[in-house]
Every structure is written in structure tokens, then in C-alpha cells.
Amino acid sequence: MASSNQTFVITPRRGPARRPAAVRVRDFSEIYADFSPVAGAGQSSRCAQCGVPFCQTGCPLQNNIPDWLRLAAEGRAEEAWRQSAATSTMPEICGRICPQDRLCEGACTLEQSGWETVTIGSVERWLGDMAFEHGWVEPIRPRVERGQSVGIVGAGPAGMAAADRLRSAGYAVTIYDRHDRAGGLLMYGIPGFKLEKHVVQRRLDRLAEGGVRFRLGVDVGGDLPFGEVRAAHDAVLVATGVYQARRLTAPGCGSTGVIAALDYLIASNRKGLGDAVAAFDSGALDASGKRVVVIGGGDTAMDCVRTAVRQGATSVTCLYRRDRDNMPGSAREFANAEEEGVVFEWLAAPRAVLGEADRVTGVRGQRMALAAQSADGRWSVEPLPGGEFDLAADLVIEALGFEPEDMPGLFAEPDLALTEWRTIRTAGHTKATTLEGVFAAGDIVRGASLVVWAVKDGQDAAAEIDAWLSGRERAAA
């Protein structure tokens, strides 16, 4: 019988259908379709089934990628999905938003040898969506109730992943979040054209139906003291993420019309969810009819430029101080943005924001040159003499990254130790903080990073909390 695997020599790489740029910029729906069963199985069959699967080591979750690709190629889609779900609490979400070109697909042996990578992310998404459609995703029904509770501060990907594992293990779980909806970055930070909100909501619904309690619109450290959360639970996980925006320090950056990326994206996502958003309705956070300049080169910058296009901006320009090869964002997202009409100014840094205090008129840029490469491969840059230039702008969006809030001050816990980067310090390779029974995971520990790393951290934290609580229970017996 002929094998249904290792067909890369006869089966070309083909991604899922993608809506044309002229059509997709008219709405916020996802731009990629799922594979059909035939196409999904065919693309899965391209896997070389390597003895040493570099795709797996390139995945933060260490997903068993060759195994579920083999099962999918053999038509055993449900088994394939169960393999993917064994190591990931949200495979259909990671399949949509992971920068696979820098992770599993970039590490694929076929990619390295010139045969083109397997479409791992698209297969993962297809399997995950099919699992919900066919009822393979089972409700959370713990075999035993442990009689202990865990409080999770933050309803983003790290908190969601931890809640899934902890509730499945029989712990009572309560998630606290300052927003009026759960999901964190998945709900409010990532635009619908990359991740439609019903995809996030069905994961949240599964948690709620499984017994996870959500306390939304609650600002832990503000209207609810962190000490009360600690007192209410046997263990606490801090998974707040990092949301304090880095801001421009150039002259004029305080002018009206200079806004933070996350404020802009949250407003757009809220409008898409049907909320009334005063700052959007007033035009302050709406790009419609405006000349937009986005400063930054990461995935958040790509989200902003592509959102601005869909809102009807008259022009959208991305200003980034390094070149295309050194941009930190996904190459796939850059390609999509370029197709949608975004203009990129590479090797260009902002020098000043032009205009008056109440109105932005432009950005003065400075041409840069790559100077020296550091040990991690990143290039430093230096200004080119006489390289100033001006860009017209009515709206300037700062997408320069995020930093942690003052967590010890916010939580009134001076003994909560921080790193030199002001993230929460954990002990060695554990998730344990310097507070007894308090753990931390996700961006608040590692700094602004990828959703897949937050998922891994949340799952790892859940396992560690389970071990810690079980140990205490045995010691008390």
C-alpha cells in the first residue's frame, strides 16, 4: 500500500485560500479560509516525518507536529486533533496568530533544504476548527473535585491556558480581569482579520461551562486589593500581561493626534463588538479619512497599519528604523500589509512630530544605516548625515512595545520581587514568585512576547501550582 506521507516530492506547498486584498480591506473578517478535508490531508502528507523533527523543537509548546500531520494525512483527523490538543489548550488560536515562519515552519527540514515548508499553522487551525464543528472538543468535567481554589489575575492567553488545566484537574478556578470581557489581548488587542472573536469566545464559553468563574470589570490592586484575592484562594497566578505602552520622546509627541497602539486597537475591536466608544466616535481613535503614520516594526505595528486601511485612511505609512530583513514582526503579516496598500519606510526613525499642540500635521524622519550586529543577530543603527525627511500625517500611532506596570505598588506587596526589566521575578525555571503561594506566567514574567509563549507559560504554571498544592495537601495529611 502506498504511503500517504512524505509526498513533498510530488505535492507542492499550497496555503489555504486567501481573500483578495481589494475585497478583504472592506471588512474585519479573517482573510484566510480553512482547508477542505482533501486539501488539509494533502498538505499534511508533505511532511518528511523526520527522525529529528526540528519543527517540534521550533515550537514553544513542543507540539507533536509530525505525529498529527501523519494522522491528518491518513484521514484520521479526530486523532490528529487530539494529538495537537494534548500539548496546547488553544491550537486553533495559535494556528491563526503564531508567526510560524519564525517558529515551526521556519525550522522545518523541508524549508531548510529548499522544498518549501509544510503549512503547519494552517493544518493546526483546520483541525481545531473541525474539532469544534464536529463536537470533538469535550466539556471540562473533572474526575474529582480537589476542594482547593486558585485565583488567576488576568483573563488573557496565559490565564486562559492555566484555567483550562487547573479546572480539568479539579480545582475551583476564578479569573479576575479589569476588562468587561475575558480574553485579554486575544479579544481586544488582535484585530478580527487575524482572529475573529467568536473563535476566542468559544474557548471562554468552554471554561465557563466547565465551572471556571469569571469576575470581570474588576481591577485587582485598584477596587479589589490583591491581599483579598490571596486570602480567598489557596494559590494565585498573576497573568496580567504587560500593557503600559512605550511612548515617543521626540519633540511634539504630546500633540493631539499622537496615540498609543493598544488604545487604538482596543477602540477598533470594541467597535467591532458593538460597543459605544466615545474616543472612536469623536474621531480621536478613528483613522477614517486621515493620513496615518505608524511607528514600529513588530506585529502590533502590522495590526495597526492594517486596521487603519480598513477604517478608510487616505494613506498608511509604517516607519521602522531597521530594514525589512531585521523587522521583528511576522514576514507573513508584512506581506499582507504591503498587499493592502501600506507603504513602508525602512531604515527611518522618528525625529519629531510636526504640527501644533492641538493638531498633528506630520512626522519628521531620519534616515538610518545598519551599523553593527550584536551576538543575538540584531543590528544597531546610526543616523545618516543629511538624512532628514518629512511625512504628512493627521494621526501618528506609536507601536513601540509594552512595559510592565509597577506590580509591587499596584498590589501593595513590597516583597514581590522584580527583575531589572520590572517584570515579576520567579525562582529559577519555576513560576513561583517571592510571595508564598503566588505564581506568575506570561508576559508579566518574560516581557512582551508571543501568544504561544503565554499559552506555554500558563500550562506550565498550572502544572506547578497543582504540584505545589498537592504537596501541601500531603504534608497536612
Protein backbone atom coordinates (compact mmCIF):
# COMPACT_ATOMS: atom_id res chain seq x y z
CA MET A 1 0.00 0.00 0.00
CA ALA A 2 1.41 3.42 -0.95
CA SER A 3 2.23 5.74 1.94
CA SER A 4 0.11 8.87 2.36
CA ASN A 5 3.11 10.66 3.87
CA GLN A 6 6.37 12.16 2.57
CA THR A 7 4.73 13.34 -0.66
CA PHE A 8 6.67 16.61 -0.72
CA VAL A 9 8.45 15.48 -3.91
CA ILE A 10 5.16 15.38 -5.83
CA THR A 11 2.81 17.64 -3.82
CA PRO A 12 3.59 21.36 -3.98
CA ARG A 13 3.12 23.59 -0.98
CA ARG A 14 -0.19 25.42 -1.11
CA GLY A 15 -1.64 27.53 1.65
CA PRO A 16 -5.36 27.94 2.29
CA ALA A 17 -7.44 30.23 0.11
CA ARG A 18 -6.90 33.91 0.88
CA ARG A 19 -9.32 36.68 0.06
CA PRO A 20 -8.03 39.24 -2.48
CA ALA A 21 -6.66 42.41 -0.91
CA ALA A 22 -9.22 44.64 -2.65
CA VAL A 23 -12.03 42.61 -1.05
CA ARG A 24 -10.64 41.90 2.40
CA VAL A 25 -9.83 45.54 3.23
CA ARG A 26 -13.56 46.31 3.24
CA ASP A 27 -14.19 44.43 6.49
CA PHE A 28 -12.56 42.92 9.56
CA SER A 29 -13.27 39.27 8.78
CA GLU A 30 -10.40 36.78 8.71
CA ILE A 31 -8.57 36.76 5.40
CA TYR A 32 -7.73 33.03 5.29
CA ALA A 33 -10.18 30.19 4.80
CA ASP A 34 -9.85 26.76 6.38
CA PHE A 35 -8.53 23.90 4.28
CA SER A 36 -11.03 21.50 2.80
CA PRO A 37 -10.50 17.94 4.12
CA VAL A 38 -8.84 16.92 0.86
CA ALA A 39 -6.51 19.93 0.82
CA GLY A 40 -5.71 19.61 4.54
CA ALA A 41 -4.83 15.95 4.21
CA GLY A 42 -2.82 16.65 1.06
CA GLN A 43 -0.75 19.39 2.66
CA SER A 44 -0.23 17.27 5.78
CA SER A 45 1.11 14.47 3.59
CA ARG A 46 4.05 16.66 2.56
CA CYS A 47 5.67 16.16 5.98
CA ALA A 48 9.01 14.34 5.67
CA GLN A 49 8.43 12.56 9.01
CA CYS A 50 11.95 13.43 10.10
CA GLY A 51 13.77 11.31 12.64
CA VAL A 52 14.70 14.54 14.43
CA PRO A 53 11.71 16.88 14.00
CA PHE A 54 13.10 20.40 14.07
CA CYS A 55 9.55 21.75 13.69
CA GLN A 56 8.78 20.37 17.15
CA THR A 57 11.85 21.95 18.73
CA GLY A 58 10.97 25.21 16.97
CA CYS A 59 7.57 25.26 18.68
CA PRO A 60 7.47 26.77 22.20
CA LEU A 61 4.81 24.20 23.13
CA GLN A 62 6.85 21.30 21.72
CA ASN A 63 3.77 20.20 19.79
CA ASN A 64 3.94 16.68 18.34
CA ILE A 65 3.74 18.12 14.84
CA PRO A 66 4.91 15.18 12.70
CA ASP A 67 2.54 12.84 14.55
CA TRP A 68 -0.57 14.88 13.90
CA LEU A 69 0.47 15.67 10.35
CA ARG A 70 0.81 11.92 9.70
CA LEU A 71 -2.61 11.19 11.21
CA ALA A 72 -4.22 14.02 9.21
CA ALA A 73 -2.62 12.74 6.00
CA GLU A 74 -4.08 9.31 6.71
CA GLY A 75 -7.58 10.76 7.07
CA ARG A 76 -7.62 10.34 10.85
CA ALA A 77 -8.50 13.96 11.56
CA GLU A 78 -10.01 13.50 15.02
CA GLU A 79 -6.96 11.59 16.22
CA ALA A 80 -4.75 14.28 14.70
CA TRP A 81 -6.63 16.98 16.56
CA ARG A 82 -6.36 15.10 19.85
CA GLN A 83 -2.61 14.91 19.35
CA SER A 84 -2.44 18.68 18.79
CA ALA A 85 -4.73 19.38 21.77
CA ALA A 86 -2.61 17.19 24.05
CA THR A 87 0.10 19.84 24.21
CA SER A 88 -1.91 23.01 23.54
CA THR A 89 -5.05 24.38 25.16
CA MET A 90 -5.86 26.53 22.13
CA PRO A 91 -4.39 25.06 18.92
CA GLU A 92 -6.93 26.70 16.60
CA ILE A 93 -5.92 30.10 18.01
CA CYS A 94 -2.17 29.51 17.77
CA GLY A 95 -2.71 28.17 14.25
CA ARG A 96 -4.11 31.57 13.32
CA ILE A 97 -1.77 34.01 15.04
CA CYS A 98 1.59 32.30 15.65
CA PRO A 99 4.42 33.62 13.46
CA GLN A 100 5.02 30.13 12.08
CA ASP A 101 7.59 31.48 9.63
CA ARG A 102 9.82 32.23 12.64
CA LEU A 103 8.92 29.10 14.62
CA CYS A 104 7.83 25.63 13.45
CA GLU A 105 7.62 26.32 9.72
CA GLY A 106 10.87 28.24 9.72
CA ALA A 107 12.59 25.27 11.39
CA CYS A 108 11.02 22.67 9.05
CA THR A 109 13.60 20.43 7.36
CA LEU A 110 11.88 20.91 4.00
CA GLU A 111 12.19 24.67 4.35
CA GLN A 112 15.89 24.37 5.15
CA SER A 113 16.52 22.06 2.19
CA GLY A 114 14.68 24.08 -0.43
CA TRP A 115 11.46 22.03 -0.75
CA GLU A 116 9.29 24.67 0.99
CA THR A 117 7.91 24.22 4.46
CA VAL A 118 4.82 22.26 5.42
CA THR A 119 1.82 24.55 6.09
CA ILE A 120 1.83 23.57 9.78
CA GLY A 121 -0.14 26.53 11.14
CA SER A 122 -2.92 26.23 8.59
CA VAL A 123 -3.32 22.50 9.27
CA GLU A 124 -3.41 23.18 13.01
CA ARG A 125 -6.14 25.77 12.53
CA TRP A 126 -8.13 23.47 10.22
CA LEU A 127 -8.02 20.60 12.72
CA GLY A 128 -9.03 22.87 15.59
CA ASP A 129 -11.96 24.39 13.76
CA MET A 130 -13.11 20.96 12.64
CA ALA A 131 -12.95 19.75 16.25
CA PHE A 132 -15.46 22.40 17.33
CA GLU A 133 -17.67 21.82 14.29
CA HIS A 134 -17.83 18.05 14.85
CA GLY A 135 -18.13 18.12 18.63
CA TRP A 136 -14.73 16.60 19.35
CA VAL A 137 -13.97 19.31 21.91
CA GLU A 138 -15.23 17.79 25.12
CA PRO A 139 -16.52 19.83 28.05
CA ILE A 140 -14.34 20.18 31.12
CA ARG A 141 -15.57 17.58 33.60
CA PRO A 142 -13.05 16.95 36.39
CA ARG A 143 -12.96 13.38 37.67
CA VAL A 144 -12.70 14.65 41.25
CA GLU A 145 -13.15 18.00 42.95
CA ARG A 146 -9.99 18.85 44.85
CA GLY A 147 -11.57 21.16 47.38
CA GLN A 148 -8.92 23.83 46.75
CA SER A 149 -9.18 27.03 44.77
CA VAL A 150 -6.90 29.07 42.55
CA GLY A 151 -7.33 32.72 41.68
CA ILE A 152 -5.98 33.91 38.32
CA VAL A 153 -5.38 37.62 37.77
CA GLY A 154 -5.68 38.23 34.05
CA ALA A 155 -8.03 36.63 31.51
CA GLY A 156 -5.61 36.64 28.58
CA PRO A 157 -3.96 33.62 26.94
CA ALA A 158 -1.74 32.68 29.90
CA GLY A 159 -4.67 32.90 32.33
CA MET A 160 -6.99 31.01 29.99
CA ALA A 161 -4.46 28.22 29.44
CA ALA A 162 -3.81 27.85 33.18
CA ALA A 163 -7.54 27.87 33.97
CA ASP A 164 -8.18 25.08 31.45
CA ARG A 165 -5.55 22.80 33.00
CA LEU A 166 -6.35 23.64 36.63
CA ARG A 167 -10.09 23.22 36.27
CA SER A 168 -9.55 19.94 34.41
CA ALA A 169 -7.50 18.79 37.41
CA GLY A 170 -10.42 19.53 39.75
CA TYR A 171 -9.53 22.91 41.24
CA ALA A 172 -12.08 25.66 41.69
CA VAL A 173 -10.83 28.49 39.48
CA THR A 174 -11.74 32.17 39.48
CA ILE A 175 -10.36 34.53 36.84
CA TYR A 176 -10.24 38.25 37.58
CA ASP A 177 -9.88 40.84 34.82
CA ARG A 178 -10.21 44.60 34.60
CA HIS A 179 -11.96 44.48 31.22
CA ASP A 180 -15.66 43.80 30.77
CA ARG A 181 -14.90 40.80 28.55
CA ALA A 182 -12.42 37.99 29.06
CA GLY A 183 -9.74 37.14 26.52
CA GLY A 184 -7.26 39.94 27.11
CA LEU A 185 -5.05 40.55 24.10
CA LEU A 186 -6.94 37.89 22.12
CA MET A 187 -10.19 39.78 22.48
CA TYR A 188 -9.10 43.42 22.49
CA GLY A 189 -5.57 43.61 21.08
CA ILE A 190 -5.61 41.40 17.97
CA PRO A 191 -7.82 42.55 15.09
CA GLY A 192 -10.60 40.37 13.72
CA PHE A 193 -8.93 39.95 10.34
CA LYS A 194 -6.36 37.78 12.14
CA LEU A 195 -8.58 36.30 14.86
CA GLU A 196 -12.34 36.58 14.76
CA LYS A 197 -13.77 36.98 18.23
CA HIS A 198 -16.13 34.03 18.12
CA VAL A 199 -13.01 31.83 17.96
CA VAL A 200 -11.88 33.23 21.31
CA GLN A 201 -15.37 33.25 22.78
CA ARG A 202 -15.94 29.54 22.25
CA ARG A 203 -12.82 28.82 24.32
CA LEU A 204 -14.07 31.17 27.04
CA ASP A 205 -17.52 29.56 26.91
CA ARG A 206 -15.93 26.14 27.40
CA LEU A 207 -14.14 27.39 30.51
CA ALA A 208 -17.32 28.93 31.92
CA GLU A 209 -19.40 25.85 31.17
CA GLY A 210 -16.72 23.75 32.86
CA GLY A 211 -17.07 25.69 36.08
CA VAL A 212 -14.47 28.44 35.78
CA ARG A 213 -15.79 31.60 37.40
CA PHE A 214 -15.11 34.96 35.78
CA ARG A 215 -15.08 38.22 37.72
CA LEU A 216 -14.88 40.86 35.01
CA GLY A 217 -14.61 44.62 35.30
CA VAL A 218 -12.60 44.09 38.47
CA ASP A 219 -9.31 45.93 38.82
CA VAL A 220 -7.15 43.82 41.14
CA GLY A 221 -4.92 46.23 43.01
CA GLY A 222 -7.46 49.00 42.40
CA ASP A 223 -11.03 48.41 43.54
CA LEU A 224 -10.14 44.88 44.73
CA PRO A 225 -6.99 44.65 46.88
CA PHE A 226 -4.59 41.90 45.88
CA GLY A 227 -4.47 40.81 49.52
CA GLU A 228 -8.15 39.91 49.35
CA VAL A 229 -7.54 37.76 46.28
CA ARG A 230 -4.73 35.94 48.10
CA ALA A 231 -6.92 35.40 51.14
CA ALA A 232 -9.75 33.96 49.03
CA HIS A 233 -7.66 31.24 47.35
CA ASP A 234 -5.16 28.52 48.13
CA ALA A 235 -2.90 29.76 45.34
CA VAL A 236 -2.83 32.74 42.99
CA LEU A 237 -1.47 33.08 39.46
CA VAL A 238 -0.57 36.54 38.18
CA ALA A 239 -1.03 36.58 34.40
CA THR A 240 -1.74 40.24 33.77
CA GLY A 241 0.43 40.70 30.70
CA VAL A 242 2.25 43.98 30.03
CA TYR A 243 0.12 46.82 28.76
CA GLN A 244 1.98 50.00 29.63
CA ALA A 245 2.92 51.47 26.27
CA ARG A 246 6.38 52.74 25.47
CA ARG A 247 5.95 56.28 24.23
CA LEU A 248 7.87 58.52 21.89
CA THR A 249 10.23 61.04 23.45
CA ALA A 250 10.73 63.13 20.31
CA PRO A 251 9.66 66.79 20.23
CA GLY A 252 5.95 67.22 19.58
CA CYS A 253 4.98 63.72 20.67
CA GLY A 254 2.49 65.13 23.17
CA SER A 255 0.36 66.69 20.44
CA THR A 256 -3.26 65.74 19.89
CA GLY A 257 -3.26 63.03 17.24
CA VAL A 258 -0.34 61.02 18.68
CA ILE A 259 -1.82 57.87 20.19
CA ALA A 260 -0.71 54.56 21.69
CA ALA A 261 -1.19 51.44 19.58
CA LEU A 262 -3.14 49.48 22.16
CA ASP A 263 -5.60 52.33 22.77
CA TYR A 264 -6.20 52.40 19.03
CA LEU A 265 -6.63 48.63 18.66
CA ILE A 266 -8.87 48.29 21.71
CA ALA A 267 -11.15 51.03 20.39
CA SER A 268 -11.37 49.32 17.00
CA ASN A 269 -12.07 45.91 18.48
CA ARG A 270 -14.72 47.33 20.81
CA LYS A 271 -16.49 48.95 17.88
CA GLY A 272 -16.39 45.62 16.09
CA LEU A 273 -18.01 44.01 19.11
CA GLY A 274 -20.80 46.58 19.04
CA ASP A 275 -19.70 48.78 21.93
CA ALA A 276 -20.13 52.53 22.12
CA VAL A 277 -16.62 54.02 22.11
CA ALA A 278 -16.61 57.77 22.64
CA ALA A 279 -12.97 58.28 21.62
CA PHE A 280 -13.62 56.44 18.36
CA ASP A 281 -16.88 58.21 17.62
CA SER A 282 -15.22 61.59 18.18
CA GLY A 283 -12.59 60.69 15.59
CA ALA A 284 -9.67 60.64 18.02
CA LEU A 285 -9.12 56.89 17.60
CA ASP A 286 -10.55 56.52 14.10
CA ALA A 287 -8.28 56.60 11.04
CA SER A 288 -11.07 57.30 8.56
CA GLY A 289 -10.07 59.98 6.06
CA LYS A 290 -6.69 60.53 7.71
CA ARG A 291 -3.07 60.25 6.70
CA VAL A 292 -1.70 57.71 9.16
CA VAL A 293 1.90 57.07 10.19
CA VAL A 294 2.61 54.05 12.39
CA ILE A 295 5.97 53.93 14.15
CA GLY A 296 7.36 50.44 14.84
CA GLY A 297 8.03 47.17 13.03
CA GLY A 298 6.50 44.44 15.19
CA ASP A 299 3.25 42.55 14.92
CA THR A 300 1.42 45.30 16.81
CA ALA A 301 2.54 47.79 14.18
CA MET A 302 1.25 45.46 11.46
CA ASP A 303 -2.09 45.20 13.27
CA CYS A 304 -2.31 48.99 13.39
CA VAL A 305 -1.48 49.66 9.74
CA ARG A 306 -3.90 47.01 8.52
CA THR A 307 -6.63 48.31 10.83
CA ALA A 308 -6.10 51.84 9.54
CA VAL A 309 -6.51 50.63 5.95
CA ARG A 310 -9.85 49.02 6.86
CA GLN A 311 -11.05 52.13 8.65
CA GLY A 312 -10.63 54.12 5.44
CA ALA A 313 -7.38 56.03 5.98
CA THR A 314 -6.35 58.05 2.94
CA SER A 315 -2.76 56.81 3.30
CA VAL A 316 -0.93 54.49 5.71
CA THR A 317 2.83 54.55 6.20
CA CYS A 318 4.92 52.40 8.52
CA LEU A 319 8.15 53.93 9.80
CA TYR A 320 10.77 51.46 11.05
CA ARG A 321 14.37 52.17 12.00
CA ARG A 322 15.86 48.92 10.69
CA ASP A 323 15.45 47.22 7.32
CA ARG A 324 12.94 44.65 6.13
CA ASP A 325 15.18 41.69 6.98
CA ASN A 326 15.51 42.86 10.58
CA MET A 327 11.92 43.72 11.37
CA PRO A 328 10.69 41.83 14.47
CA GLY A 329 7.20 41.15 13.14
CA SER A 330 5.97 38.25 11.06
CA ALA A 331 7.04 38.29 7.41
CA ARG A 332 3.57 36.99 6.53
CA GLU A 333 1.91 39.98 8.20
CA PHE A 334 4.24 42.38 6.44
CA ALA A 335 3.39 40.80 3.09
CA ASN A 336 -0.33 41.07 3.81
CA ALA A 337 0.03 44.72 4.82
CA GLU A 338 2.00 45.56 1.70
CA GLU A 339 -0.65 43.90 -0.49
CA GLU A 340 -3.28 46.01 1.25
CA GLY A 341 -1.56 49.26 0.28
CA VAL A 342 0.63 50.08 3.27
CA VAL A 343 3.82 51.98 2.40
CA PHE A 344 6.95 51.02 4.35
CA GLU A 345 9.73 53.46 5.12
CA TRP A 346 12.65 51.23 6.11
CA LEU A 347 15.74 52.47 7.94
CA ALA A 348 13.84 55.51 9.14
CA ALA A 349 13.41 56.75 12.69
CA PRO A 350 11.10 59.49 14.01
CA ARG A 351 12.91 62.68 14.93
CA ALA A 352 9.96 64.95 15.69
CA VAL A 353 6.19 65.20 15.38
CA LEU A 354 5.16 68.24 13.38
CA GLY A 355 2.17 70.49 13.96
CA GLU A 356 0.63 72.33 16.88
CA ALA A 357 -0.37 71.11 20.33
CA ASP A 358 -3.93 70.52 19.16
CA ARG A 359 -3.19 69.08 15.72
CA VAL A 360 -0.59 66.82 14.13
CA THR A 361 0.48 67.66 10.58
CA GLY A 362 3.37 65.30 10.02
CA VAL A 363 6.39 63.36 11.20
CA ARG A 364 9.98 64.38 10.62
CA GLY A 365 12.02 61.25 9.97
CA GLN A 366 15.71 60.50 9.97
CA ARG A 367 17.30 58.07 7.53
CA MET A 368 19.33 55.40 9.31
CA ALA A 369 22.03 52.89 8.37
CA LEU A 370 22.81 49.49 9.85
CA ALA A 371 25.95 49.84 11.95
CA ALA A 372 26.97 46.69 13.84
CA GLN A 373 25.50 43.27 14.57
CA SER A 374 25.20 42.07 18.15
CA ALA A 375 25.64 38.50 19.39
CA ASP A 376 21.90 37.84 19.08
CA GLY A 377 21.91 38.88 15.42
CA ARG A 378 20.25 42.27 15.93
CA TRP A 379 21.76 45.25 14.14
CA SER A 380 22.33 48.61 15.74
CA VAL A 381 21.59 51.66 13.63
CA GLU A 382 23.09 55.09 13.22
CA PRO A 383 21.74 58.24 11.55
CA LEU A 384 22.80 59.17 8.05
CA PRO A 385 24.08 62.76 7.80
CA GLY A 386 21.60 64.97 5.98
CA GLY A 387 19.01 62.22 6.01
CA GLU A 388 16.02 64.16 7.35
CA PHE A 389 12.67 63.96 5.56
CA ASP A 390 9.04 64.83 6.33
CA LEU A 391 5.89 62.73 6.08
CA ALA A 392 2.42 64.27 6.15
CA ALA A 393 0.24 62.84 8.92
CA ASP A 394 -3.04 63.52 10.69
CA LEU A 395 -2.70 60.53 13.03
CA VAL A 396 0.51 59.09 14.46
CA ILE A 397 0.32 55.69 16.14
CA GLU A 398 3.13 54.62 18.46
CA ALA A 399 3.70 50.85 18.25
CA LEU A 400 6.96 50.75 20.18
CA GLY A 401 6.24 47.87 22.52
CA PHE A 402 4.97 47.46 26.06
CA GLU A 403 6.35 47.54 29.58
CA PRO A 404 5.07 46.20 32.92
CA GLU A 405 3.14 48.25 35.41
CA ASP A 406 4.53 48.76 38.92
CA MET A 407 3.24 45.43 40.23
CA PRO A 408 4.53 45.67 43.84
CA GLY A 409 2.98 49.13 44.12
CA LEU A 410 -0.23 48.15 42.36
CA PHE A 411 -0.69 45.07 44.55
CA ALA A 412 0.62 46.74 47.73
CA GLU A 413 3.11 43.88 48.01
CA PRO A 414 6.60 45.36 48.51
CA ASP A 415 8.07 41.86 48.88
CA LEU A 416 7.08 40.94 45.32
CA ALA A 417 10.49 40.91 43.66
CA LEU A 418 11.08 42.22 40.15
CA THR A 419 13.78 41.77 37.55
CA GLU A 420 15.88 44.62 36.20
CA TRP A 421 13.27 44.94 33.43
CA ARG A 422 10.50 45.39 36.06
CA THR A 423 8.89 42.07 35.17
CA ILE A 424 7.98 39.74 38.05
CA ARG A 425 10.93 37.66 39.20
CA THR A 426 10.36 33.93 39.50
CA ALA A 427 12.64 31.37 41.10
CA GLY A 428 14.94 29.74 38.57
CA HIS A 429 12.95 27.96 35.89
CA THR A 430 9.81 27.86 38.03
CA LYS A 431 6.75 30.11 38.06
CA ALA A 432 6.98 30.76 41.82
CA THR A 433 7.32 34.38 42.89
CA THR A 434 8.82 35.64 46.14
CA LEU A 435 5.34 35.60 47.72
CA GLU A 436 4.21 32.32 49.24
CA GLY A 437 1.55 30.66 47.11
CA VAL A 438 1.75 33.30 44.36
CA PHE A 439 2.90 32.30 40.89
CA ALA A 440 3.32 34.31 37.70
CA ALA A 441 3.24 33.47 34.00
CA GLY A 442 3.20 35.03 30.56
CA ASP A 443 4.38 38.48 29.54
CA ILE A 444 4.45 39.77 33.11
CA VAL A 445 7.39 37.38 33.61
CA ARG A 446 9.11 37.22 30.21
CA GLY A 447 8.21 40.67 28.87
CA ALA A 448 6.11 41.37 25.79
CA SER A 449 6.21 38.19 23.75
CA LEU A 450 4.14 35.82 21.62
CA VAL A 451 0.75 34.36 22.47
CA VAL A 452 2.16 30.84 22.11
CA TRP A 453 4.70 31.55 24.85
CA ALA A 454 1.89 32.83 27.09
CA VAL A 455 -0.02 29.59 26.47
CA LYS A 456 3.04 27.52 27.35
CA ASP A 457 3.70 29.55 30.49
CA GLY A 458 0.08 29.23 31.59
CA GLN A 459 0.10 25.47 31.10
CA ASP A 460 3.44 25.13 32.91
CA ALA A 461 2.21 27.31 35.76
CA ALA A 462 -0.90 25.16 36.15
CA ALA A 463 1.24 22.02 36.47
CA GLU A 464 3.45 23.72 39.04
CA ILE A 465 0.52 25.02 41.07
CA ASP A 466 -1.02 21.55 41.01
CA ALA A 467 2.24 20.03 42.31
CA TRP A 468 2.57 22.71 45.00
CA LEU A 469 -0.98 22.35 46.25
CA SER A 470 -0.79 18.56 46.15
CA GLY A 471 2.43 18.69 48.18
CA ARG A 472 0.83 20.91 50.79
CA GLU A 473 -2.14 18.60 50.97
CA ARG A 474 0.11 15.58 51.54
CA ALA A 475 2.13 17.44 54.17
CA ALA A 476 -1.05 18.34 56.06
CA ALA A 477 -2.40 14.76 56.00
